[in-house]
N, C-alpha and C. Protein backbone atom coordinates (compact mmCIF):
# COMPACT_ATOMS: atom_id res chain seq x y z
N UNK A 1 9.42 -20.65 13.17
CA UNK A 1 8.02 -20.89 13.46
C UNK A 1 7.15 -20.07 12.49
N UNK A 2 6.19 -20.70 11.83
CA UNK A 2 5.35 -19.99 10.87
C UNK A 2 4.54 -18.88 11.54
N UNK A 3 4.41 -17.78 10.84
CA UNK A 3 3.62 -16.66 11.33
C UNK A 3 2.49 -16.41 10.34
N UNK A 4 1.24 -16.72 10.72
CA UNK A 4 0.13 -16.57 9.78
C UNK A 4 -0.09 -15.14 9.30
N UNK A 5 0.24 -14.15 10.13
CA UNK A 5 0.06 -12.76 9.70
C UNK A 5 1.08 -12.41 8.62
N UNK A 6 2.32 -12.80 8.79
CA UNK A 6 3.33 -12.54 7.77
C UNK A 6 2.98 -13.31 6.50
N UNK A 7 2.50 -14.54 6.64
CA UNK A 7 2.07 -15.31 5.47
C UNK A 7 0.98 -14.57 4.72
N UNK A 8 0.04 -13.98 5.44
CA UNK A 8 -1.06 -13.24 4.80
C UNK A 8 -0.53 -11.99 4.11
N UNK A 9 0.36 -11.26 4.76
CA UNK A 9 0.95 -10.06 4.16
C UNK A 9 1.66 -10.44 2.86
N UNK A 10 2.47 -11.48 2.91
CA UNK A 10 3.21 -11.91 1.72
C UNK A 10 2.27 -12.37 0.62
N UNK A 11 1.20 -13.05 0.99
CA UNK A 11 0.21 -13.48 -0.02
C UNK A 11 -0.42 -12.26 -0.69
N UNK A 12 -0.78 -11.25 0.10
CA UNK A 12 -1.39 -10.03 -0.45
C UNK A 12 -0.44 -9.35 -1.44
N UNK A 13 0.83 -9.17 -1.04
CA UNK A 13 1.75 -8.41 -1.90
C UNK A 13 2.21 -9.21 -3.11
N UNK A 14 2.13 -10.54 -3.05
CA UNK A 14 2.53 -11.36 -4.19
C UNK A 14 1.36 -11.62 -5.14
N UNK A 15 0.14 -11.45 -4.67
CA UNK A 15 -1.05 -11.77 -5.47
C UNK A 15 -1.55 -10.60 -6.30
N UNK A 16 -1.02 -9.40 -6.05
CA UNK A 16 -1.50 -8.20 -6.73
C UNK A 16 -0.30 -7.34 -7.12
N UNK A 17 -0.38 -6.71 -8.29
CA UNK A 17 0.71 -5.84 -8.74
C UNK A 17 0.87 -4.64 -7.81
N UNK A 18 -0.26 -4.03 -7.41
CA UNK A 18 -0.24 -2.84 -6.56
C UNK A 18 -1.10 -3.11 -5.33
N UNK A 19 -0.49 -3.03 -4.15
CA UNK A 19 -1.22 -3.24 -2.89
C UNK A 19 -1.01 -2.02 -2.02
N UNK A 20 -2.12 -1.48 -1.52
CA UNK A 20 -2.09 -0.35 -0.60
C UNK A 20 -2.61 -0.83 0.75
N UNK A 21 -1.78 -0.73 1.76
CA UNK A 21 -2.21 -0.99 3.13
C UNK A 21 -2.60 0.37 3.70
N UNK A 22 -3.91 0.56 3.89
CA UNK A 22 -4.46 1.87 4.19
C UNK A 22 -5.41 1.83 5.39
N UNK A 23 -5.75 3.02 5.86
CA UNK A 23 -6.77 3.15 6.90
C UNK A 23 -8.09 3.42 6.20
N UNK A 24 -8.99 2.43 6.26
CA UNK A 24 -10.27 2.55 5.61
C UNK A 24 -10.30 1.80 4.29
N UNK A 25 -11.25 2.19 3.44
CA UNK A 25 -11.44 1.54 2.15
C UNK A 25 -11.48 2.61 1.06
N UNK A 26 -11.38 2.22 -0.20
CA UNK A 26 -11.49 3.22 -1.27
C UNK A 26 -12.82 3.99 -1.20
N UNK A 27 -13.88 3.32 -0.77
CA UNK A 27 -15.18 3.97 -0.66
C UNK A 27 -15.29 4.84 0.59
N UNK A 28 -14.55 4.49 1.62
CA UNK A 28 -14.64 5.22 2.89
C UNK A 28 -13.27 5.31 3.56
N UNK A 29 -12.37 6.15 3.00
CA UNK A 29 -11.05 6.31 3.63
C UNK A 29 -11.21 6.90 5.03
N UNK A 30 -10.34 6.46 5.95
CA UNK A 30 -10.42 6.91 7.33
C UNK A 30 -9.21 7.75 7.73
N UNK A 31 -8.47 8.24 6.74
CA UNK A 31 -7.26 9.02 7.00
C UNK A 31 -6.96 9.82 5.74
N UNK A 32 -6.55 11.05 5.92
CA UNK A 32 -6.25 11.91 4.77
C UNK A 32 -5.14 11.37 3.89
N UNK A 33 -4.10 10.80 4.50
CA UNK A 33 -2.99 10.26 3.71
C UNK A 33 -3.43 9.04 2.91
N UNK A 34 -4.25 8.19 3.53
CA UNK A 34 -4.78 7.03 2.81
C UNK A 34 -5.67 7.49 1.67
N UNK A 35 -6.53 8.46 1.93
CA UNK A 35 -7.43 8.98 0.89
C UNK A 35 -6.63 9.56 -0.27
N UNK A 36 -5.60 10.36 0.03
CA UNK A 36 -4.79 10.98 -1.02
C UNK A 36 -4.05 9.94 -1.84
N UNK A 37 -3.60 8.88 -1.20
CA UNK A 37 -2.87 7.83 -1.91
C UNK A 37 -3.81 7.06 -2.83
N UNK A 38 -4.97 6.67 -2.33
CA UNK A 38 -5.92 5.95 -3.17
C UNK A 38 -6.39 6.82 -4.33
N UNK A 39 -6.60 8.10 -4.07
CA UNK A 39 -7.04 9.03 -5.11
C UNK A 39 -5.97 9.16 -6.21
N UNK A 40 -4.70 9.19 -5.82
CA UNK A 40 -3.62 9.27 -6.80
C UNK A 40 -3.69 8.09 -7.77
N UNK A 41 -3.85 6.88 -7.26
CA UNK A 41 -3.91 5.71 -8.13
C UNK A 41 -5.18 5.72 -8.99
N UNK A 42 -6.29 6.18 -8.41
CA UNK A 42 -7.53 6.29 -9.20
C UNK A 42 -7.34 7.29 -10.34
N UNK A 43 -6.76 8.45 -10.05
CA UNK A 43 -6.54 9.49 -11.08
C UNK A 43 -5.65 8.98 -12.21
N UNK A 44 -4.68 8.14 -11.87
CA UNK A 44 -3.78 7.59 -12.88
C UNK A 44 -4.41 6.40 -13.61
N UNK A 45 -5.59 5.96 -13.14
CA UNK A 45 -6.26 4.81 -13.77
C UNK A 45 -5.55 3.50 -13.49
N UNK A 46 -4.90 3.41 -12.35
CA UNK A 46 -4.13 2.22 -12.00
C UNK A 46 -4.93 1.39 -10.99
N UNK A 47 -5.19 0.15 -11.37
CA UNK A 47 -5.91 -0.75 -10.47
C UNK A 47 -5.02 -1.07 -9.28
N UNK A 48 -5.65 -1.12 -8.11
CA UNK A 48 -4.90 -1.47 -6.90
C UNK A 48 -5.78 -2.31 -5.99
N UNK A 49 -5.11 -3.06 -5.16
CA UNK A 49 -5.78 -3.85 -4.13
C UNK A 49 -5.51 -3.15 -2.81
N UNK A 50 -6.55 -2.95 -2.03
CA UNK A 50 -6.33 -2.28 -0.74
C UNK A 50 -6.65 -3.23 0.41
N UNK A 51 -5.91 -3.05 1.49
CA UNK A 51 -6.12 -3.80 2.72
C UNK A 51 -6.35 -2.76 3.82
N UNK A 52 -7.52 -2.84 4.45
CA UNK A 52 -7.87 -1.92 5.52
C UNK A 52 -7.21 -2.37 6.82
N UNK A 53 -6.21 -1.63 7.26
CA UNK A 53 -5.49 -2.03 8.48
C UNK A 53 -6.30 -1.77 9.74
N UNK A 54 -7.35 -0.95 9.63
CA UNK A 54 -8.18 -0.69 10.81
C UNK A 54 -9.04 -1.91 11.17
N UNK A 55 -9.37 -2.72 10.17
CA UNK A 55 -10.15 -3.93 10.44
C UNK A 55 -9.27 -5.17 10.48
N UNK A 56 -7.96 -4.98 10.32
CA UNK A 56 -6.99 -6.07 10.38
C UNK A 56 -5.88 -5.69 11.36
N UNK A 57 -6.21 -5.72 12.65
CA UNK A 57 -5.25 -5.25 13.66
C UNK A 57 -3.97 -6.06 13.66
N UNK A 58 -4.03 -7.34 13.29
CA UNK A 58 -2.82 -8.15 13.24
C UNK A 58 -1.87 -7.63 12.16
N UNK A 59 -2.42 -7.24 11.01
CA UNK A 59 -1.59 -6.67 9.95
C UNK A 59 -1.07 -5.30 10.37
N UNK A 60 -1.93 -4.49 10.98
CA UNK A 60 -1.51 -3.15 11.42
C UNK A 60 -0.34 -3.26 12.39
N UNK A 61 -0.35 -4.25 13.25
CA UNK A 61 0.72 -4.41 14.24
C UNK A 61 1.99 -5.02 13.64
N UNK A 62 1.85 -5.88 12.64
CA UNK A 62 2.98 -6.65 12.12
C UNK A 62 3.66 -6.00 10.92
N UNK A 63 2.89 -5.32 10.07
CA UNK A 63 3.46 -4.80 8.82
C UNK A 63 4.62 -3.83 9.02
N UNK A 64 4.57 -2.88 9.96
CA UNK A 64 5.73 -1.97 10.11
C UNK A 64 7.04 -2.71 10.42
N UNK A 65 6.95 -3.77 11.18
CA UNK A 65 8.13 -4.57 11.49
C UNK A 65 8.59 -5.33 10.24
N UNK A 66 7.63 -5.89 9.52
CA UNK A 66 7.94 -6.66 8.31
C UNK A 66 8.58 -5.78 7.24
N UNK A 67 8.00 -4.59 7.03
CA UNK A 67 8.44 -3.73 5.93
C UNK A 67 9.55 -2.75 6.32
N UNK A 68 9.78 -2.61 7.62
CA UNK A 68 10.72 -1.62 8.14
C UNK A 68 10.27 -0.20 7.77
N UNK A 69 8.96 0.00 7.77
CA UNK A 69 8.36 1.30 7.47
C UNK A 69 7.33 1.56 8.56
N UNK A 70 7.46 2.62 9.34
CA UNK A 70 6.65 2.77 10.55
C UNK A 70 5.23 3.28 10.36
N UNK A 71 4.94 3.90 9.22
CA UNK A 71 3.66 4.59 9.09
C UNK A 71 2.79 3.99 7.99
N UNK A 72 1.55 4.44 7.96
CA UNK A 72 0.60 4.03 6.92
C UNK A 72 0.10 5.28 6.22
N UNK A 73 -0.25 5.17 4.95
CA UNK A 73 -0.33 3.95 4.14
C UNK A 73 1.05 3.42 3.74
N UNK A 74 1.05 2.15 3.35
CA UNK A 74 2.25 1.53 2.79
C UNK A 74 1.86 1.01 1.41
N UNK A 75 2.68 1.34 0.43
CA UNK A 75 2.39 0.98 -0.95
C UNK A 75 3.44 -0.02 -1.43
N UNK A 76 2.94 -1.15 -1.92
CA UNK A 76 3.81 -2.18 -2.49
C UNK A 76 3.49 -2.31 -3.97
N UNK A 77 4.53 -2.33 -4.80
CA UNK A 77 4.37 -2.55 -6.22
C UNK A 77 5.31 -3.68 -6.62
N UNK A 78 4.74 -4.66 -7.31
CA UNK A 78 5.50 -5.85 -7.71
C UNK A 78 6.19 -6.51 -6.52
N UNK A 79 5.49 -6.56 -5.38
CA UNK A 79 6.00 -7.25 -4.21
C UNK A 79 7.02 -6.48 -3.39
N UNK A 80 7.31 -5.24 -3.78
CA UNK A 80 8.32 -4.46 -3.06
C UNK A 80 7.71 -3.19 -2.47
N UNK A 81 8.14 -2.86 -1.28
CA UNK A 81 7.69 -1.62 -0.65
C UNK A 81 8.23 -0.43 -1.43
N UNK A 82 7.31 0.46 -1.80
CA UNK A 82 7.70 1.69 -2.50
C UNK A 82 7.81 2.82 -1.49
N UNK A 83 6.91 2.83 -0.51
CA UNK A 83 6.92 3.87 0.51
C UNK A 83 5.52 4.25 0.91
N UNK A 84 5.37 5.52 1.30
CA UNK A 84 4.09 6.02 1.76
C UNK A 84 3.54 7.10 0.85
N UNK A 85 2.60 7.84 1.36
CA UNK A 85 1.86 8.84 0.61
C UNK A 85 2.79 9.86 -0.07
N UNK A 86 3.65 10.50 0.70
CA UNK A 86 4.51 11.54 0.14
C UNK A 86 5.42 10.99 -0.97
N UNK A 87 5.95 9.81 -0.75
CA UNK A 87 6.88 9.23 -1.72
C UNK A 87 6.18 8.93 -3.04
N UNK A 88 4.98 8.32 -3.00
CA UNK A 88 4.32 8.02 -4.28
C UNK A 88 3.88 9.28 -5.00
N UNK A 89 3.54 10.33 -4.25
CA UNK A 89 3.20 11.60 -4.90
C UNK A 89 4.45 12.20 -5.58
N UNK A 90 5.59 12.15 -4.89
CA UNK A 90 6.84 12.64 -5.49
C UNK A 90 7.21 11.81 -6.72
N UNK A 91 7.02 10.50 -6.62
CA UNK A 91 7.33 9.61 -7.75
C UNK A 91 6.40 9.90 -8.93
N UNK A 92 5.14 10.20 -8.66
CA UNK A 92 4.21 10.55 -9.72
C UNK A 92 4.67 11.84 -10.41
N UNK A 93 5.03 12.83 -9.60
CA UNK A 93 5.43 14.12 -10.14
C UNK A 93 6.69 14.02 -11.00
N UNK A 94 7.58 13.10 -10.66
CA UNK A 94 8.83 12.95 -11.42
C UNK A 94 8.69 11.99 -12.60
N UNK A 95 7.54 11.27 -12.67
CA UNK A 95 7.36 10.27 -13.73
C UNK A 95 7.88 8.90 -13.36
N UNK A 96 8.55 8.81 -12.21
CA UNK A 96 9.13 7.54 -11.79
C UNK A 96 8.07 6.48 -11.47
N UNK A 97 6.94 6.90 -10.92
CA UNK A 97 5.87 5.96 -10.57
C UNK A 97 5.31 5.31 -11.83
N UNK A 98 5.06 6.10 -12.85
CA UNK A 98 4.51 5.56 -14.09
C UNK A 98 5.49 4.58 -14.73
N UNK A 99 6.79 4.89 -14.69
CA UNK A 99 7.80 3.98 -15.23
C UNK A 99 7.80 2.66 -14.47
N UNK A 100 7.72 2.75 -13.15
CA UNK A 100 7.71 1.55 -12.32
C UNK A 100 6.48 0.70 -12.62
N UNK A 101 5.34 1.33 -12.77
CA UNK A 101 4.09 0.60 -13.02
C UNK A 101 4.04 0.00 -14.42
N UNK A 102 4.68 0.64 -15.37
CA UNK A 102 4.65 0.14 -16.75
C UNK A 102 5.79 -0.80 -17.05
N UNK A 103 6.70 -0.95 -16.09
CA UNK A 103 7.90 -1.78 -16.31
C UNK A 103 7.66 -3.25 -16.14
């Protein structure tokens, strides 16, 4: 049976190279982890698409089950879940994030 929320999630992650499912917006983050994640991508000069899960309760409820990742933010690059705030910061520090983005 088709699930419109999963269809929307898949459309978001397939339509953009970098998608951040966050609490709030880049202009008004509503969570420290979301703010830190968006700031990391801004500092690196990497364009990203963000989806505010606070205004999309269907996505907030469905995405953890879809991605098998329980918390937010969730970062997808090239259609694949990379992880959350701590993971992308660690990847940045090791240079792995830049390699993934430039690959």
